[in-house]
Amino acid sequence: MNDRAAVHPPGFLADLTRFLFFIGKGGFGKTSIACAAALALANSGKSVVLVSTDPASNLDEILDVPLGNLPVAVPGAERAA
């Protein structure tokens, strides 16, 4: 793969803090960005736990896994749970 075709993570994933929070008004893509960030980090070898405090969260639909009160591995992500 040449550099032009390489996928580079956004800057906020390059210099990580221990926790990332995605906040804001409804309908702005917080869940989508949180899922994309979690999968990118997991696929780069990081251990990741993705948590939503939204009672109407659709993480299960986005990640295509049944979710509950315990961590669940996400197929296709090397270390996501």
N, C-alpha and C. Protein backbone atom coordinates (compact mmCIF):
# COMPACT_ATOMS: atom_id res chain seq x y z
N MET A 1 0.85 -1.18 0.00
CA MET A 1 0.00 0.00 0.00
C MET A 1 0.89 1.24 0.00
N ASN A 2 0.62 2.17 -0.88
CA ASN A 2 1.40 3.40 -0.89
C ASN A 2 0.82 4.42 0.08
N ASP A 3 1.57 5.49 0.37
CA ASP A 3 1.12 6.48 1.35
C ASP A 3 -0.19 7.14 0.98
N ARG A 4 -0.45 7.28 -0.31
CA ARG A 4 -1.70 7.93 -0.72
C ARG A 4 -2.90 7.07 -0.38
N ALA A 5 -2.73 5.76 -0.39
CA ALA A 5 -3.84 4.85 -0.10
C ALA A 5 -3.90 4.49 1.37
N ALA A 6 -2.87 4.83 2.14
CA ALA A 6 -2.85 4.49 3.56
C ALA A 6 -3.93 5.26 4.32
N VAL A 7 -4.48 4.62 5.32
CA VAL A 7 -5.46 5.27 6.17
C VAL A 7 -4.73 5.77 7.41
N HIS A 8 -4.85 7.06 7.68
CA HIS A 8 -4.20 7.66 8.83
C HIS A 8 -5.26 8.04 9.85
N PRO A 9 -5.08 7.64 11.11
CA PRO A 9 -6.07 7.98 12.13
C PRO A 9 -6.11 9.49 12.37
N PRO A 10 -7.24 10.00 12.81
CA PRO A 10 -7.32 11.43 13.12
C PRO A 10 -6.39 11.77 14.29
N GLY A 11 -6.01 13.02 14.37
CA GLY A 11 -5.06 13.48 15.38
C GLY A 11 -5.43 13.15 16.81
N PHE A 12 -6.72 13.18 17.14
CA PHE A 12 -7.10 12.93 18.53
C PHE A 12 -6.85 11.49 18.94
N LEU A 13 -6.63 10.58 17.98
CA LEU A 13 -6.28 9.20 18.32
C LEU A 13 -4.78 8.99 18.37
N ALA A 14 -4.01 9.95 17.91
CA ALA A 14 -2.56 9.81 17.88
C ALA A 14 -1.93 10.07 19.24
N ASP A 15 -2.45 11.02 19.99
CA ASP A 15 -1.89 11.37 21.30
C ASP A 15 -2.99 11.17 22.34
N LEU A 16 -3.17 9.91 22.74
CA LEU A 16 -4.33 9.52 23.55
C LEU A 16 -4.22 9.89 25.02
N THR A 17 -5.36 10.16 25.60
CA THR A 17 -5.51 10.22 27.04
C THR A 17 -6.10 8.88 27.47
N ARG A 18 -6.19 8.62 28.75
CA ARG A 18 -6.72 7.34 29.22
C ARG A 18 -8.19 7.18 28.85
N PHE A 19 -8.95 8.25 28.86
CA PHE A 19 -10.37 8.21 28.55
C PHE A 19 -10.69 9.19 27.44
N LEU A 20 -11.61 8.80 26.55
CA LEU A 20 -12.15 9.70 25.53
C LEU A 20 -13.64 9.81 25.76
N PHE A 21 -14.15 11.02 25.75
CA PHE A 21 -15.58 11.25 25.90
C PHE A 21 -16.08 11.95 24.64
N PHE A 22 -17.20 11.49 24.12
CA PHE A 22 -17.83 12.12 22.97
C PHE A 22 -19.16 12.67 23.46
N ILE A 23 -19.26 13.99 23.53
CA ILE A 23 -20.44 14.62 24.10
C ILE A 23 -21.01 15.63 23.13
N GLY A 24 -22.25 16.01 23.36
CA GLY A 24 -22.86 17.04 22.54
C GLY A 24 -24.34 16.78 22.37
N LYS A 25 -24.96 17.66 21.65
CA LYS A 25 -26.38 17.60 21.38
C LYS A 25 -26.71 16.38 20.52
N GLY A 26 -27.93 15.89 20.61
CA GLY A 26 -28.34 14.72 19.84
C GLY A 26 -28.28 14.93 18.34
N GLY A 27 -27.95 13.87 17.62
CA GLY A 27 -27.97 13.91 16.17
C GLY A 27 -26.69 14.39 15.51
N PHE A 28 -25.61 14.53 16.28
CA PHE A 28 -24.36 15.03 15.71
C PHE A 28 -23.33 13.94 15.44
N GLY A 29 -23.67 12.67 15.68
CA GLY A 29 -22.77 11.57 15.34
C GLY A 29 -21.85 11.10 16.44
N LYS A 30 -22.20 11.39 17.69
CA LYS A 30 -21.35 10.96 18.81
C LYS A 30 -21.17 9.45 18.83
N THR A 31 -22.25 8.71 18.68
CA THR A 31 -22.16 7.25 18.72
C THR A 31 -21.35 6.73 17.55
N SER A 32 -21.56 7.26 16.38
CA SER A 32 -20.81 6.82 15.20
C SER A 32 -19.31 7.06 15.36
N ILE A 33 -18.95 8.25 15.84
CA ILE A 33 -17.53 8.58 16.03
C ILE A 33 -16.93 7.73 17.15
N ALA A 34 -17.68 7.52 18.22
CA ALA A 34 -17.18 6.69 19.32
C ALA A 34 -16.93 5.26 18.85
N CYS A 35 -17.83 4.71 18.07
CA CYS A 35 -17.65 3.35 17.53
C CYS A 35 -16.46 3.29 16.60
N ALA A 36 -16.34 4.26 15.71
CA ALA A 36 -15.22 4.28 14.77
C ALA A 36 -13.89 4.41 15.51
N ALA A 37 -13.85 5.27 16.51
CA ALA A 37 -12.62 5.45 17.29
C ALA A 37 -12.28 4.17 18.04
N ALA A 38 -13.27 3.55 18.67
CA ALA A 38 -13.03 2.32 19.43
C ALA A 38 -12.51 1.21 18.53
N LEU A 39 -13.12 1.04 17.36
CA LEU A 39 -12.67 0.00 16.44
C LEU A 39 -11.27 0.30 15.90
N ALA A 40 -10.99 1.55 15.58
CA ALA A 40 -9.65 1.92 15.10
C ALA A 40 -8.59 1.64 16.16
N LEU A 41 -8.89 1.99 17.39
CA LEU A 41 -7.94 1.75 18.48
C LEU A 41 -7.76 0.26 18.73
N ALA A 42 -8.84 -0.49 18.74
CA ALA A 42 -8.76 -1.94 18.95
C ALA A 42 -7.96 -2.59 17.83
N ASN A 43 -8.20 -2.18 16.61
CA ASN A 43 -7.48 -2.76 15.48
C ASN A 43 -6.02 -2.35 15.42
N SER A 44 -5.65 -1.32 16.17
CA SER A 44 -4.24 -0.94 16.24
C SER A 44 -3.56 -1.59 17.44
N GLY A 45 -4.30 -2.47 18.14
CA GLY A 45 -3.70 -3.23 19.23
C GLY A 45 -4.00 -2.73 20.63
N LYS A 46 -4.78 -1.67 20.74
CA LYS A 46 -5.13 -1.14 22.07
C LYS A 46 -6.26 -1.96 22.68
N SER A 47 -6.28 -2.05 24.00
CA SER A 47 -7.42 -2.62 24.70
C SER A 47 -8.47 -1.53 24.83
N VAL A 48 -9.71 -1.83 24.48
CA VAL A 48 -10.76 -0.81 24.42
C VAL A 48 -12.02 -1.31 25.11
N VAL A 49 -12.63 -0.45 25.88
CA VAL A 49 -13.96 -0.67 26.42
C VAL A 49 -14.80 0.52 25.97
N LEU A 50 -15.87 0.24 25.25
CA LEU A 50 -16.77 1.28 24.76
C LEU A 50 -18.02 1.25 25.62
N VAL A 51 -18.35 2.38 26.24
CA VAL A 51 -19.49 2.48 27.14
C VAL A 51 -20.39 3.61 26.69
N SER A 52 -21.70 3.36 26.72
CA SER A 52 -22.66 4.41 26.44
C SER A 52 -23.53 4.62 27.67
N THR A 53 -23.79 5.87 28.01
CA THR A 53 -24.70 6.18 29.11
C THR A 53 -26.07 6.57 28.58
N ASP A 54 -26.24 6.52 27.28
CA ASP A 54 -27.50 6.88 26.64
C ASP A 54 -28.47 5.70 26.73
N PRO A 55 -29.61 5.86 27.39
CA PRO A 55 -30.56 4.74 27.49
C PRO A 55 -31.13 4.33 26.13
N ALA A 56 -31.03 5.20 25.14
CA ALA A 56 -31.54 4.88 23.81
C ALA A 56 -30.39 4.54 22.85
N SER A 57 -29.25 4.16 23.40
CA SER A 57 -28.08 3.88 22.58
C SER A 57 -28.35 2.79 21.56
N ASN A 58 -27.76 2.92 20.39
CA ASN A 58 -27.90 1.90 19.36
C ASN A 58 -26.55 1.26 19.03
N LEU A 59 -25.66 1.18 20.02
CA LEU A 59 -24.36 0.54 19.82
C LEU A 59 -24.51 -0.88 19.30
N ASP A 60 -25.51 -1.60 19.81
CA ASP A 60 -25.71 -2.98 19.37
C ASP A 60 -26.01 -3.05 17.88
N GLU A 61 -26.75 -2.10 17.37
CA GLU A 61 -27.08 -2.08 15.94
C GLU A 61 -25.86 -1.68 15.10
N ILE A 62 -25.12 -0.71 15.57
CA ILE A 62 -23.95 -0.24 14.83
C ILE A 62 -22.88 -1.33 14.78
N LEU A 63 -22.63 -1.98 15.91
CA LEU A 63 -21.58 -3.00 16.00
C LEU A 63 -22.07 -4.39 15.62
N ASP A 64 -23.37 -4.54 15.45
CA ASP A 64 -23.99 -5.81 15.07
C ASP A 64 -23.68 -6.93 16.06
N VAL A 65 -23.80 -6.61 17.36
CA VAL A 65 -23.63 -7.59 18.42
C VAL A 65 -24.69 -7.36 19.49
N PRO A 66 -25.18 -8.43 20.12
CA PRO A 66 -26.12 -8.23 21.23
C PRO A 66 -25.35 -7.71 22.45
N LEU A 67 -25.84 -6.65 23.05
CA LEU A 67 -25.16 -6.05 24.20
C LEU A 67 -26.01 -6.18 25.45
N GLY A 68 -25.33 -6.19 26.58
CA GLY A 68 -26.01 -6.28 27.87
C GLY A 68 -25.17 -5.63 28.93
N ASN A 69 -25.18 -6.21 30.14
CA ASN A 69 -24.46 -5.64 31.28
C ASN A 69 -23.01 -6.10 31.38
N LEU A 70 -22.61 -7.03 30.55
CA LEU A 70 -21.24 -7.55 30.58
C LEU A 70 -20.52 -7.22 29.28
N PRO A 71 -19.19 -7.12 29.33
CA PRO A 71 -18.44 -6.86 28.08
C PRO A 71 -18.68 -7.95 27.04
N VAL A 72 -18.70 -7.55 25.79
CA VAL A 72 -18.94 -8.46 24.66
C VAL A 72 -17.86 -8.20 23.62
N ALA A 73 -17.24 -9.27 23.13
CA ALA A 73 -16.24 -9.11 22.06
C ALA A 73 -16.94 -8.70 20.78
N VAL A 74 -16.31 -7.83 20.03
CA VAL A 74 -16.85 -7.37 18.76
C VAL A 74 -16.13 -8.09 17.63
N PRO A 75 -16.84 -8.92 16.87
CA PRO A 75 -16.19 -9.64 15.77
C PRO A 75 -15.56 -8.67 14.77
N GLY A 76 -14.36 -9.00 14.34
CA GLY A 76 -13.68 -8.16 13.37
C GLY A 76 -12.73 -7.15 14.00
N ALA A 77 -12.83 -6.97 15.30
CA ALA A 77 -11.91 -6.09 16.01
C ALA A 77 -10.97 -6.99 16.81
N GLU A 78 -9.70 -6.75 16.69
CA GLU A 78 -8.73 -7.63 17.32
C GLU A 78 -8.82 -7.67 18.84
N ARG A 79 -9.03 -6.50 19.46
CA ARG A 79 -9.02 -6.47 20.93
C ARG A 79 -10.22 -5.73 21.50
N ALA A 80 -11.24 -5.46 20.72
CA ALA A 80 -12.40 -4.73 21.24
C ALA A 80 -13.26 -5.64 22.09
N ALA A 81 -13.83 -5.10 23.12
CA ALA A 81 -14.77 -5.86 23.97
C ALA A 81 -15.82 -4.91 24.50
